[in-house]
Amino acid sequence: MGLGRAGDGALGVVAVIARGLGVLVGIGVMLGGCSSVSSIVAVGAGAAAGGASVNPVVGYAVAVGVAAGADYGIKWYGRTTQGAEQDAIAAVAAPLDPGQGGTWRIRHTIPIDNETGELRVVRLIRNPLADCKQVVFSVVDGSGAKATRSWYSADICRQGSGWKWASAEPAVPRWGYLQ
């Protein structure tokens, strides 16, 4: 599969490199929870580019660029899913009065980190800036008999015509991307 060998004769070097990068990005998406995905993808892309071009500087440059891009993409996806989960919880809690509860659920476009749980509005907090509600909610991990439920608390506040998450984010990794 190198330059001038059977693997790139019909497709060309660019197509072989593009296909290899596509495979590596696909593997990166599947390993989304792994903290070293960007490094794994970068090493593979750098090796493929360096081998195809027979130039280690090109391989290194590709590896650095791919690592930065993969890291950014993984963090963007995490922030996006986190925001969607927080919005789903706020949307369910918005019409509820203190003491009332409901079930929240999020289904992402990419079916990773789909979550569900229960919530209950604990109290209404009125202040001159915005009306807020304190909620307790659960996140269910797993399914069936092995499912575990963890409980958390948060604040949501009225923002314009809707309600948004208003809690400061914890500095511990206990929630993963939900924090």
N, C-alpha and C. Protein backbone atom coordinates (compact mmCIF):
# COMPACT_ATOMS: atom_id res chain seq x y z
N MET A 1 0.82 -1.19 0.00
CA MET A 1 0.00 0.00 0.00
C MET A 1 0.87 1.26 0.00
N GLY A 2 2.00 1.26 -0.49
CA GLY A 2 2.82 2.46 -0.50
C GLY A 2 2.84 3.09 -1.86
N LEU A 3 3.60 4.11 -1.99
CA LEU A 3 3.73 4.81 -3.23
C LEU A 3 4.34 3.89 -4.28
N GLY A 4 3.68 3.72 -5.41
CA GLY A 4 4.18 2.88 -6.49
C GLY A 4 3.90 1.41 -6.32
N ARG A 5 3.18 1.01 -5.27
CA ARG A 5 2.85 -0.41 -5.08
C ARG A 5 1.41 -0.64 -5.51
N ALA A 6 0.94 -1.85 -5.36
CA ALA A 6 -0.37 -2.23 -5.89
C ALA A 6 -1.52 -1.48 -5.23
N GLY A 7 -1.36 -1.08 -3.97
CA GLY A 7 -2.48 -0.49 -3.23
C GLY A 7 -2.91 0.87 -3.72
N ASP A 8 -2.03 1.69 -4.30
CA ASP A 8 -2.44 3.02 -4.69
C ASP A 8 -2.43 3.23 -6.21
N GLY A 9 -2.14 2.18 -6.98
CA GLY A 9 -2.04 2.34 -8.43
C GLY A 9 -3.34 2.77 -9.07
N ALA A 10 -4.44 2.13 -8.70
CA ALA A 10 -5.72 2.44 -9.34
C ALA A 10 -6.36 3.69 -8.73
N LEU A 11 -6.15 3.92 -7.44
CA LEU A 11 -6.83 5.02 -6.77
C LEU A 11 -6.00 6.29 -6.69
N GLY A 12 -4.72 6.15 -6.58
CA GLY A 12 -3.86 7.31 -6.38
C GLY A 12 -3.54 7.49 -4.92
N VAL A 13 -2.45 8.16 -4.66
CA VAL A 13 -1.98 8.36 -3.29
C VAL A 13 -2.99 9.14 -2.46
N VAL A 14 -3.58 10.19 -3.01
CA VAL A 14 -4.51 11.03 -2.26
C VAL A 14 -5.72 10.22 -1.81
N ALA A 15 -6.25 9.37 -2.69
CA ALA A 15 -7.41 8.56 -2.34
C ALA A 15 -7.07 7.55 -1.26
N VAL A 16 -5.89 6.96 -1.31
CA VAL A 16 -5.49 6.00 -0.30
C VAL A 16 -5.35 6.69 1.05
N ILE A 17 -4.74 7.87 1.07
CA ILE A 17 -4.60 8.62 2.32
C ILE A 17 -5.97 9.04 2.84
N ALA A 18 -6.85 9.52 1.97
CA ALA A 18 -8.18 9.95 2.39
C ALA A 18 -8.97 8.78 2.96
N ARG A 19 -8.87 7.63 2.35
CA ARG A 19 -9.57 6.45 2.85
C ARG A 19 -9.03 6.07 4.22
N GLY A 20 -7.71 6.09 4.37
CA GLY A 20 -7.11 5.76 5.67
C GLY A 20 -7.53 6.73 6.75
N LEU A 21 -7.58 8.02 6.41
CA LEU A 21 -8.02 9.01 7.39
C LEU A 21 -9.48 8.80 7.75
N GLY A 22 -10.31 8.44 6.77
CA GLY A 22 -11.71 8.16 7.05
C GLY A 22 -11.89 7.00 8.01
N VAL A 23 -11.10 5.95 7.81
CA VAL A 23 -11.15 4.80 8.71
C VAL A 23 -10.72 5.21 10.11
N LEU A 24 -9.66 6.01 10.20
CA LEU A 24 -9.17 6.44 11.51
C LEU A 24 -10.18 7.34 12.22
N VAL A 25 -10.83 8.22 11.49
CA VAL A 25 -11.85 9.08 12.11
C VAL A 25 -13.03 8.22 12.57
N GLY A 26 -13.41 7.22 11.79
CA GLY A 26 -14.47 6.31 12.19
C GLY A 26 -14.14 5.58 13.48
N ILE A 27 -12.91 5.12 13.59
CA ILE A 27 -12.46 4.46 14.82
C ILE A 27 -12.50 5.46 15.97
N GLY A 28 -12.11 6.69 15.70
CA GLY A 28 -12.13 7.72 16.73
C GLY A 28 -13.53 7.97 17.26
N VAL A 29 -14.53 7.98 16.37
CA VAL A 29 -15.91 8.19 16.79
C VAL A 29 -16.38 7.03 17.66
N MET A 30 -16.01 5.80 17.30
CA MET A 30 -16.40 4.64 18.08
C MET A 30 -15.76 4.64 19.46
N LEU A 31 -14.57 5.20 19.58
CA LEU A 31 -13.87 5.25 20.86
C LEU A 31 -14.08 6.59 21.55
N GLY A 32 -15.21 7.22 21.33
CA GLY A 32 -15.46 8.57 21.82
C GLY A 32 -15.23 8.77 23.31
N GLY A 33 -15.41 7.74 24.12
CA GLY A 33 -15.21 7.89 25.55
C GLY A 33 -13.76 7.77 25.96
N CYS A 34 -12.91 7.35 25.09
CA CYS A 34 -11.50 7.15 25.41
C CYS A 34 -10.77 8.49 25.34
N SER A 35 -9.99 8.80 26.36
CA SER A 35 -9.34 10.11 26.40
C SER A 35 -8.15 10.23 25.45
N SER A 36 -7.68 9.12 24.91
CA SER A 36 -6.52 9.17 24.02
C SER A 36 -6.89 8.99 22.55
N VAL A 37 -8.15 9.18 22.20
CA VAL A 37 -8.60 8.99 20.82
C VAL A 37 -7.84 9.90 19.87
N SER A 38 -7.70 11.18 20.22
CA SER A 38 -7.03 12.10 19.30
C SER A 38 -5.59 11.67 19.05
N SER A 39 -4.91 11.14 20.06
CA SER A 39 -3.54 10.67 19.89
C SER A 39 -3.49 9.44 18.99
N ILE A 40 -4.42 8.52 19.20
CA ILE A 40 -4.46 7.29 18.40
C ILE A 40 -4.70 7.63 16.93
N VAL A 41 -5.69 8.47 16.68
CA VAL A 41 -6.01 8.86 15.31
C VAL A 41 -4.85 9.61 14.69
N ALA A 42 -4.20 10.50 15.46
CA ALA A 42 -3.10 11.30 14.94
C ALA A 42 -1.90 10.44 14.57
N VAL A 43 -1.58 9.46 15.39
CA VAL A 43 -0.45 8.59 15.09
C VAL A 43 -0.71 7.81 13.80
N GLY A 44 -1.92 7.28 13.66
CA GLY A 44 -2.26 6.54 12.44
C GLY A 44 -2.22 7.41 11.21
N ALA A 45 -2.79 8.61 11.31
CA ALA A 45 -2.81 9.52 10.16
C ALA A 45 -1.40 9.98 9.81
N GLY A 46 -0.60 10.29 10.82
CA GLY A 46 0.78 10.71 10.57
C GLY A 46 1.60 9.61 9.93
N ALA A 47 1.41 8.37 10.40
CA ALA A 47 2.14 7.25 9.82
C ALA A 47 1.72 7.03 8.36
N ALA A 48 0.41 7.12 8.11
CA ALA A 48 -0.06 6.93 6.73
C ALA A 48 0.46 8.03 5.81
N ALA A 49 0.41 9.27 6.26
CA ALA A 49 0.87 10.37 5.43
C ALA A 49 2.38 10.34 5.26
N GLY A 50 3.11 10.03 6.32
CA GLY A 50 4.57 9.95 6.23
C GLY A 50 5.01 8.81 5.33
N GLY A 51 4.31 7.68 5.42
CA GLY A 51 4.64 6.55 4.57
C GLY A 51 4.31 6.79 3.12
N ALA A 52 3.18 7.43 2.86
CA ALA A 52 2.78 7.69 1.49
C ALA A 52 3.65 8.74 0.82
N SER A 53 4.08 9.72 1.60
CA SER A 53 4.89 10.78 1.02
C SER A 53 6.39 10.52 1.15
N VAL A 54 6.77 9.52 1.91
CA VAL A 54 8.16 9.19 2.19
C VAL A 54 8.88 10.39 2.80
N ASN A 55 8.15 11.16 3.61
CA ASN A 55 8.73 12.34 4.23
C ASN A 55 8.24 12.41 5.67
N PRO A 56 9.11 12.21 6.66
CA PRO A 56 8.66 12.22 8.05
C PRO A 56 8.13 13.57 8.52
N VAL A 57 8.59 14.66 7.92
CA VAL A 57 8.08 15.98 8.30
C VAL A 57 6.61 16.11 7.92
N VAL A 58 6.24 15.59 6.75
CA VAL A 58 4.83 15.60 6.34
C VAL A 58 4.01 14.75 7.31
N GLY A 59 4.52 13.60 7.68
CA GLY A 59 3.83 12.74 8.63
C GLY A 59 3.62 13.42 9.97
N TYR A 60 4.66 14.10 10.46
CA TYR A 60 4.56 14.81 11.74
C TYR A 60 3.54 15.94 11.65
N ALA A 61 3.59 16.71 10.57
CA ALA A 61 2.66 17.83 10.40
C ALA A 61 1.22 17.33 10.32
N VAL A 62 0.99 16.25 9.60
CA VAL A 62 -0.35 15.69 9.50
C VAL A 62 -0.81 15.19 10.87
N ALA A 63 0.09 14.53 11.61
CA ALA A 63 -0.26 14.02 12.94
C ALA A 63 -0.66 15.14 13.88
N VAL A 64 0.08 16.24 13.88
CA VAL A 64 -0.24 17.37 14.76
C VAL A 64 -1.59 17.97 14.37
N GLY A 65 -1.82 18.16 13.08
CA GLY A 65 -3.08 18.72 12.62
C GLY A 65 -4.27 17.83 12.93
N VAL A 66 -4.10 16.52 12.70
CA VAL A 66 -5.19 15.58 12.97
C VAL A 66 -5.47 15.51 14.47
N ALA A 67 -4.43 15.53 15.30
CA ALA A 67 -4.64 15.50 16.76
C ALA A 67 -5.44 16.71 17.22
N ALA A 68 -5.08 17.88 16.71
CA ALA A 68 -5.81 19.10 17.09
C ALA A 68 -7.26 19.04 16.63
N GLY A 69 -7.48 18.60 15.40
CA GLY A 69 -8.83 18.50 14.87
C GLY A 69 -9.67 17.47 15.60
N ALA A 70 -9.09 16.31 15.87
CA ALA A 70 -9.83 15.25 16.57
C ALA A 70 -10.16 15.68 18.00
N ASP A 71 -9.22 16.32 18.68
CA ASP A 71 -9.45 16.79 20.04
C ASP A 71 -10.57 17.82 20.07
N TYR A 72 -10.53 18.75 19.12
CA TYR A 72 -11.58 19.76 19.05
C TYR A 72 -12.95 19.11 18.77
N GLY A 73 -12.99 18.17 17.84
CA GLY A 73 -14.24 17.50 17.50
C GLY A 73 -14.83 16.73 18.67
N ILE A 74 -14.00 16.04 19.40
CA ILE A 74 -14.47 15.26 20.55
C ILE A 74 -15.02 16.20 21.63
N LYS A 75 -14.31 17.27 21.90
CA LYS A 75 -14.78 18.22 22.91
C LYS A 75 -16.05 18.94 22.46
N TRP A 76 -16.15 19.27 21.18
CA TRP A 76 -17.36 19.91 20.65
C TRP A 76 -18.56 18.98 20.82
N TYR A 77 -18.39 17.70 20.48
CA TYR A 77 -19.48 16.74 20.62
C TYR A 77 -19.90 16.63 22.08
N GLY A 78 -18.93 16.58 22.98
CA GLY A 78 -19.25 16.50 24.40
C GLY A 78 -20.03 17.70 24.89
N ARG A 79 -19.62 18.90 24.49
CA ARG A 79 -20.34 20.11 24.89
C ARG A 79 -21.75 20.13 24.29
N THR A 80 -21.88 19.69 23.06
CA THR A 80 -23.18 19.68 22.40
C THR A 80 -24.15 18.73 23.09
N THR A 81 -23.68 17.51 23.38
CA THR A 81 -24.56 16.55 24.05
C THR A 81 -24.88 17.00 25.46
N GLN A 82 -23.92 17.58 26.15
CA GLN A 82 -24.16 18.10 27.50
C GLN A 82 -25.23 19.18 27.48
N GLY A 83 -25.12 20.11 26.56
CA GLY A 83 -26.12 21.18 26.45
C GLY A 83 -27.50 20.64 26.13
N ALA A 84 -27.57 19.65 25.26
CA ALA A 84 -28.86 19.05 24.90
C ALA A 84 -29.49 18.35 26.10
N GLU A 85 -28.68 17.66 26.90
CA GLU A 85 -29.20 16.98 28.09
C GLU A 85 -29.71 18.00 29.11
N GLN A 86 -28.97 19.07 29.31
CA GLN A 86 -29.40 20.10 30.24
C GLN A 86 -30.67 20.78 29.75
N ASP A 87 -30.78 21.03 28.46
CA ASP A 87 -31.99 21.63 27.91
C ASP A 87 -33.19 20.69 28.05
N ALA A 88 -32.96 19.38 27.90
CA ALA A 88 -34.05 18.41 28.05
C ALA A 88 -34.56 18.39 29.49
N ILE A 89 -33.67 18.46 30.44
CA ILE A 89 -34.07 18.49 31.85
C ILE A 89 -34.83 19.78 32.15
N ALA A 90 -34.32 20.91 31.67
CA ALA A 90 -34.98 22.20 31.90
C ALA A 90 -36.36 22.24 31.25
N ALA A 91 -36.50 21.67 30.06
CA ALA A 91 -37.79 21.69 29.36
C ALA A 91 -38.85 20.90 30.12
N VAL A 92 -38.46 19.77 30.71
CA VAL A 92 -39.43 18.98 31.47
C VAL A 92 -39.79 19.69 32.77
N ALA A 93 -38.82 20.31 33.43
CA ALA A 93 -39.06 20.96 34.71
C ALA A 93 -39.78 22.30 34.58
N ALA A 94 -39.71 22.94 33.44
CA ALA A 94 -40.25 24.30 33.26
C ALA A 94 -41.72 24.43 33.65
N PRO A 95 -42.62 23.59 33.19
CA PRO A 95 -44.03 23.81 33.53
C PRO A 95 -44.44 23.26 34.90
N LEU A 96 -43.53 22.61 35.60
CA LEU A 96 -43.88 21.96 36.86
C LEU A 96 -43.80 22.94 38.04
N ASP A 97 -44.68 22.72 39.01
CA ASP A 97 -44.67 23.46 40.26
C ASP A 97 -43.87 22.69 41.30
N PRO A 98 -43.45 23.35 42.38
CA PRO A 98 -42.72 22.63 43.43
C PRO A 98 -43.51 21.42 43.92
N GLY A 99 -42.81 20.31 44.06
CA GLY A 99 -43.44 19.05 44.49
C GLY A 99 -43.83 18.15 43.33
N GLN A 100 -43.93 18.69 42.13
CA GLN A 100 -44.30 17.88 40.98
C GLN A 100 -43.06 17.28 40.34
N GLY A 101 -43.25 16.17 39.63
CA GLY A 101 -42.13 15.49 38.99
C GLY A 101 -42.47 15.05 37.58
N GLY A 102 -41.46 14.56 36.91
CA GLY A 102 -41.63 14.08 35.55
C GLY A 102 -40.46 13.21 35.14
N THR A 103 -40.50 12.76 33.91
CA THR A 103 -39.43 11.93 33.35
C THR A 103 -38.78 12.70 32.21
N TRP A 104 -37.46 12.71 32.20
CA TRP A 104 -36.74 13.37 31.11
C TRP A 104 -36.00 12.30 30.30
N ARG A 105 -35.80 12.62 29.03
CA ARG A 105 -35.12 11.69 28.13
C ARG A 105 -34.45 12.48 27.02
N ILE A 106 -33.28 12.05 26.61
CA ILE A 106 -32.58 12.68 25.50
C ILE A 106 -32.17 11.60 24.51
N ARG A 107 -32.43 11.86 23.24
CA ARG A 107 -32.01 10.97 22.16
C ARG A 107 -31.19 11.81 21.20
N HIS A 108 -29.89 11.53 21.13
CA HIS A 108 -28.99 12.29 20.27
C HIS A 108 -29.01 11.75 18.85
N THR A 109 -28.59 12.56 17.89
CA THR A 109 -28.52 12.15 16.50
C THR A 109 -27.59 10.96 16.36
N ILE A 110 -26.42 11.05 16.96
CA ILE A 110 -25.51 9.91 17.05
C ILE A 110 -25.89 9.20 18.34
N PRO A 111 -26.35 7.96 18.28
CA PRO A 111 -26.91 7.32 19.47
C PRO A 111 -25.86 6.92 20.51
N ILE A 112 -25.10 7.93 20.97
CA ILE A 112 -24.13 7.72 22.04
C ILE A 112 -24.53 8.66 23.16
N ASP A 113 -24.49 8.20 24.38
CA ASP A 113 -24.85 9.00 25.55
C ASP A 113 -26.33 9.37 25.58
N ASN A 114 -27.21 8.52 25.04
CA ASN A 114 -28.63 8.73 25.22
C ASN A 114 -28.94 8.47 26.69
N GLU A 115 -29.60 9.41 27.33
CA GLU A 115 -29.84 9.33 28.76
C GLU A 115 -31.32 9.45 29.07
N THR A 116 -31.69 9.01 30.26
CA THR A 116 -33.05 9.14 30.76
C THR A 116 -32.99 9.23 32.27
N GLY A 117 -34.09 9.68 32.85
CA GLY A 117 -34.15 9.75 34.31
C GLY A 117 -35.43 10.43 34.75
N GLU A 118 -35.52 10.63 36.05
CA GLU A 118 -36.67 11.30 36.65
C GLU A 118 -36.21 12.63 37.21
N LEU A 119 -37.18 13.51 37.43
CA LEU A 119 -36.85 14.78 38.08
C LEU A 119 -38.01 15.23 38.92
N ARG A 120 -37.70 16.06 39.89
CA ARG A 120 -38.71 16.66 40.75
C ARG A 120 -38.30 18.09 41.04
N VAL A 121 -39.25 19.01 40.93
CA VAL A 121 -39.00 20.41 41.27
C VAL A 121 -39.08 20.53 42.78
N VAL A 122 -38.01 21.02 43.39
CA VAL A 122 -37.94 21.13 44.84
C VAL A 122 -38.52 22.45 45.32
N ARG A 123 -38.11 23.55 44.67
CA ARG A 123 -38.62 24.85 45.10
C ARG A 123 -38.53 25.86 43.97
N LEU A 124 -39.33 26.90 44.12
CA LEU A 124 -39.32 28.03 43.20
C LEU A 124 -38.51 29.14 43.86
N ILE A 125 -37.60 29.74 43.14
CA ILE A 125 -36.75 30.80 43.66
C ILE A 125 -37.08 32.07 42.87
N ARG A 126 -37.73 33.00 43.53
CA ARG A 126 -38.08 34.26 42.87
C ARG A 126 -37.05 35.31 43.28
N ASN A 127 -36.53 36.02 42.28
CA ASN A 127 -35.63 37.13 42.56
C ASN A 127 -35.82 38.18 41.47
N PRO A 128 -35.29 39.37 41.65
CA PRO A 128 -35.52 40.44 40.67
C PRO A 128 -34.95 40.16 39.28
N LEU A 129 -33.95 39.31 39.19
CA LEU A 129 -33.33 39.06 37.89
C LEU A 129 -34.09 38.04 37.06
N ALA A 130 -34.51 36.96 37.68
CA ALA A 130 -35.21 35.90 36.95
C ALA A 130 -35.84 34.93 37.92
N ASP A 131 -36.93 34.30 37.51
CA ASP A 131 -37.50 33.22 38.29
C ASP A 131 -36.67 31.98 38.05
N CYS A 132 -36.37 31.26 39.11
CA CYS A 132 -35.58 30.04 39.00
C CYS A 132 -36.27 28.90 39.74
N LYS A 133 -35.87 27.70 39.43
CA LYS A 133 -36.38 26.51 40.11
C LYS A 133 -35.20 25.63 40.48
N GLN A 134 -35.28 25.05 41.66
CA GLN A 134 -34.29 24.06 42.05
C GLN A 134 -34.90 22.69 41.77
N VAL A 135 -34.16 21.84 41.08
CA VAL A 135 -34.65 20.51 40.74
C VAL A 135 -33.65 19.46 41.21
N VAL A 136 -34.18 18.29 41.52
CA VAL A 136 -33.34 17.11 41.71
C VAL A 136 -33.69 16.17 40.58
N PHE A 137 -32.68 15.54 40.01
CA PHE A 137 -32.93 14.66 38.88
C PHE A 137 -32.02 13.46 38.96
N SER A 138 -32.46 12.40 38.31
CA SER A 138 -31.67 11.18 38.28
C SER A 138 -31.17 10.94 36.86
N VAL A 139 -30.08 10.20 36.78
CA VAL A 139 -29.54 9.73 35.51
C VAL A 139 -29.44 8.22 35.64
N VAL A 140 -30.07 7.49 34.73
CA VAL A 140 -30.06 6.03 34.76
C VAL A 140 -28.92 5.54 33.87
N ASP A 141 -28.04 4.75 34.44
CA ASP A 141 -26.95 4.13 33.68
C ASP A 141 -27.27 2.66 33.49
N GLY A 142 -27.20 2.20 32.25
CA GLY A 142 -27.47 0.80 31.95
C GLY A 142 -28.96 0.57 31.76
N SER A 143 -29.32 -0.70 31.64
CA SER A 143 -30.72 -1.06 31.47
C SER A 143 -30.99 -2.39 32.15
N GLY A 144 -32.25 -2.66 32.37
CA GLY A 144 -32.66 -3.91 32.97
C GLY A 144 -32.25 -4.00 34.43
N ALA A 145 -31.87 -5.21 34.85
CA ALA A 145 -31.52 -5.46 36.24
C ALA A 145 -30.22 -4.78 36.65
N LYS A 146 -29.37 -4.49 35.68
CA LYS A 146 -28.06 -3.87 35.98
C LYS A 146 -28.11 -2.35 35.97
N ALA A 147 -29.28 -1.76 35.81
CA ALA A 147 -29.40 -0.31 35.76
C ALA A 147 -29.13 0.30 37.13
N THR A 148 -28.40 1.39 37.14
CA THR A 148 -28.15 2.13 38.37
C THR A 148 -28.67 3.55 38.18
N ARG A 149 -29.12 4.13 39.25
CA ARG A 149 -29.69 5.47 39.21
C ARG A 149 -28.89 6.36 40.17
N SER A 150 -28.39 7.48 39.65
CA SER A 150 -27.66 8.45 40.46
C SER A 150 -28.46 9.74 40.49
N TRP A 151 -28.50 10.40 41.65
CA TRP A 151 -29.29 11.63 41.81
C TRP A 151 -28.38 12.84 41.93
N TYR A 152 -28.84 13.96 41.35
CA TYR A 152 -28.11 15.22 41.35
C TYR A 152 -29.11 16.36 41.55
N SER A 153 -28.59 17.53 41.86
CA SER A 153 -29.46 18.70 41.95
C SER A 153 -28.92 19.79 41.03
N ALA A 154 -29.83 20.65 40.59
CA ALA A 154 -29.45 21.73 39.68
C ALA A 154 -30.46 22.85 39.80
N ASP A 155 -30.10 23.99 39.27
CA ASP A 155 -31.00 25.13 39.18
C ASP A 155 -31.25 25.43 37.71
N ILE A 156 -32.50 25.79 37.41
CA ILE A 156 -32.84 26.27 36.08
C ILE A 156 -33.50 27.63 36.26
N CYS A 157 -33.31 28.50 35.31
CA CYS A 157 -33.89 29.85 35.39
C CYS A 157 -34.57 30.21 34.09
N ARG A 158 -35.60 31.08 34.24
CA ARG A 158 -36.31 31.56 33.06
C ARG A 158 -35.37 32.47 32.27
N GLN A 159 -35.28 32.20 30.98
CA GLN A 159 -34.46 33.02 30.10
C GLN A 159 -35.30 33.32 28.87
N GLY A 160 -35.78 34.54 28.78
CA GLY A 160 -36.68 34.88 27.69
C GLY A 160 -37.99 34.12 27.85
N SER A 161 -38.38 33.38 26.83
CA SER A 161 -39.63 32.63 26.88
C SER A 161 -39.43 31.19 27.35
N GLY A 162 -38.18 30.77 27.54
CA GLY A 162 -37.92 29.40 27.95
C GLY A 162 -37.14 29.33 29.26
N TRP A 163 -36.69 28.14 29.60
CA TRP A 163 -35.92 27.90 30.81
C TRP A 163 -34.59 27.29 30.41
N LYS A 164 -33.53 27.69 31.09
CA LYS A 164 -32.19 27.20 30.79
C LYS A 164 -31.50 26.75 32.07
N TRP A 165 -30.55 25.89 31.90
CA TRP A 165 -29.70 25.39 32.98
C TRP A 165 -28.94 26.56 33.58
N ALA A 166 -28.91 26.67 34.91
CA ALA A 166 -28.26 27.81 35.54
C ALA A 166 -27.25 27.40 36.60
N SER A 167 -27.01 26.14 36.77
CA SER A 167 -26.08 25.67 37.80
C SER A 167 -24.65 25.83 37.34
N ALA A 168 -23.80 26.18 38.29
CA ALA A 168 -22.36 26.17 38.01
C ALA A 168 -21.93 24.73 37.84
N GLU A 169 -21.01 24.50 36.95
CA GLU A 169 -20.59 23.14 36.66
C GLU A 169 -19.60 22.63 37.70
N PRO A 170 -19.75 21.39 38.12
CA PRO A 170 -18.81 20.83 39.10
C PRO A 170 -17.44 20.62 38.49
N ALA A 171 -16.43 20.64 39.32
CA ALA A 171 -15.05 20.48 38.86
C ALA A 171 -14.57 19.05 39.04
N VAL A 172 -15.48 18.11 39.06
CA VAL A 172 -15.11 16.71 39.20
C VAL A 172 -15.65 15.93 38.01
N PRO A 173 -15.00 14.86 37.63
CA PRO A 173 -15.43 14.11 36.44
C PRO A 173 -16.55 13.10 36.69
N ARG A 174 -17.33 13.25 37.75
CA ARG A 174 -18.32 12.22 38.08
C ARG A 174 -19.41 12.07 37.05
N TRP A 175 -19.69 13.11 36.25
CA TRP A 175 -20.76 13.02 35.26
C TRP A 175 -20.22 12.86 33.85
N GLY A 176 -18.94 12.87 33.65
CA GLY A 176 -18.42 12.80 32.29
C GLY A 176 -18.83 14.06 31.53
N TYR A 177 -19.45 13.89 30.35
CA TYR A 177 -19.83 15.04 29.53
C TYR A 177 -21.10 15.71 30.02
N LEU A 178 -21.83 15.10 30.96
CA LEU A 178 -23.05 15.72 31.46
C LEU A 178 -22.72 16.89 32.39
N GLN A 179 -21.50 16.96 32.89
CA GLN A 179 -21.16 18.06 33.81
C GLN A 179 -21.02 19.38 33.11
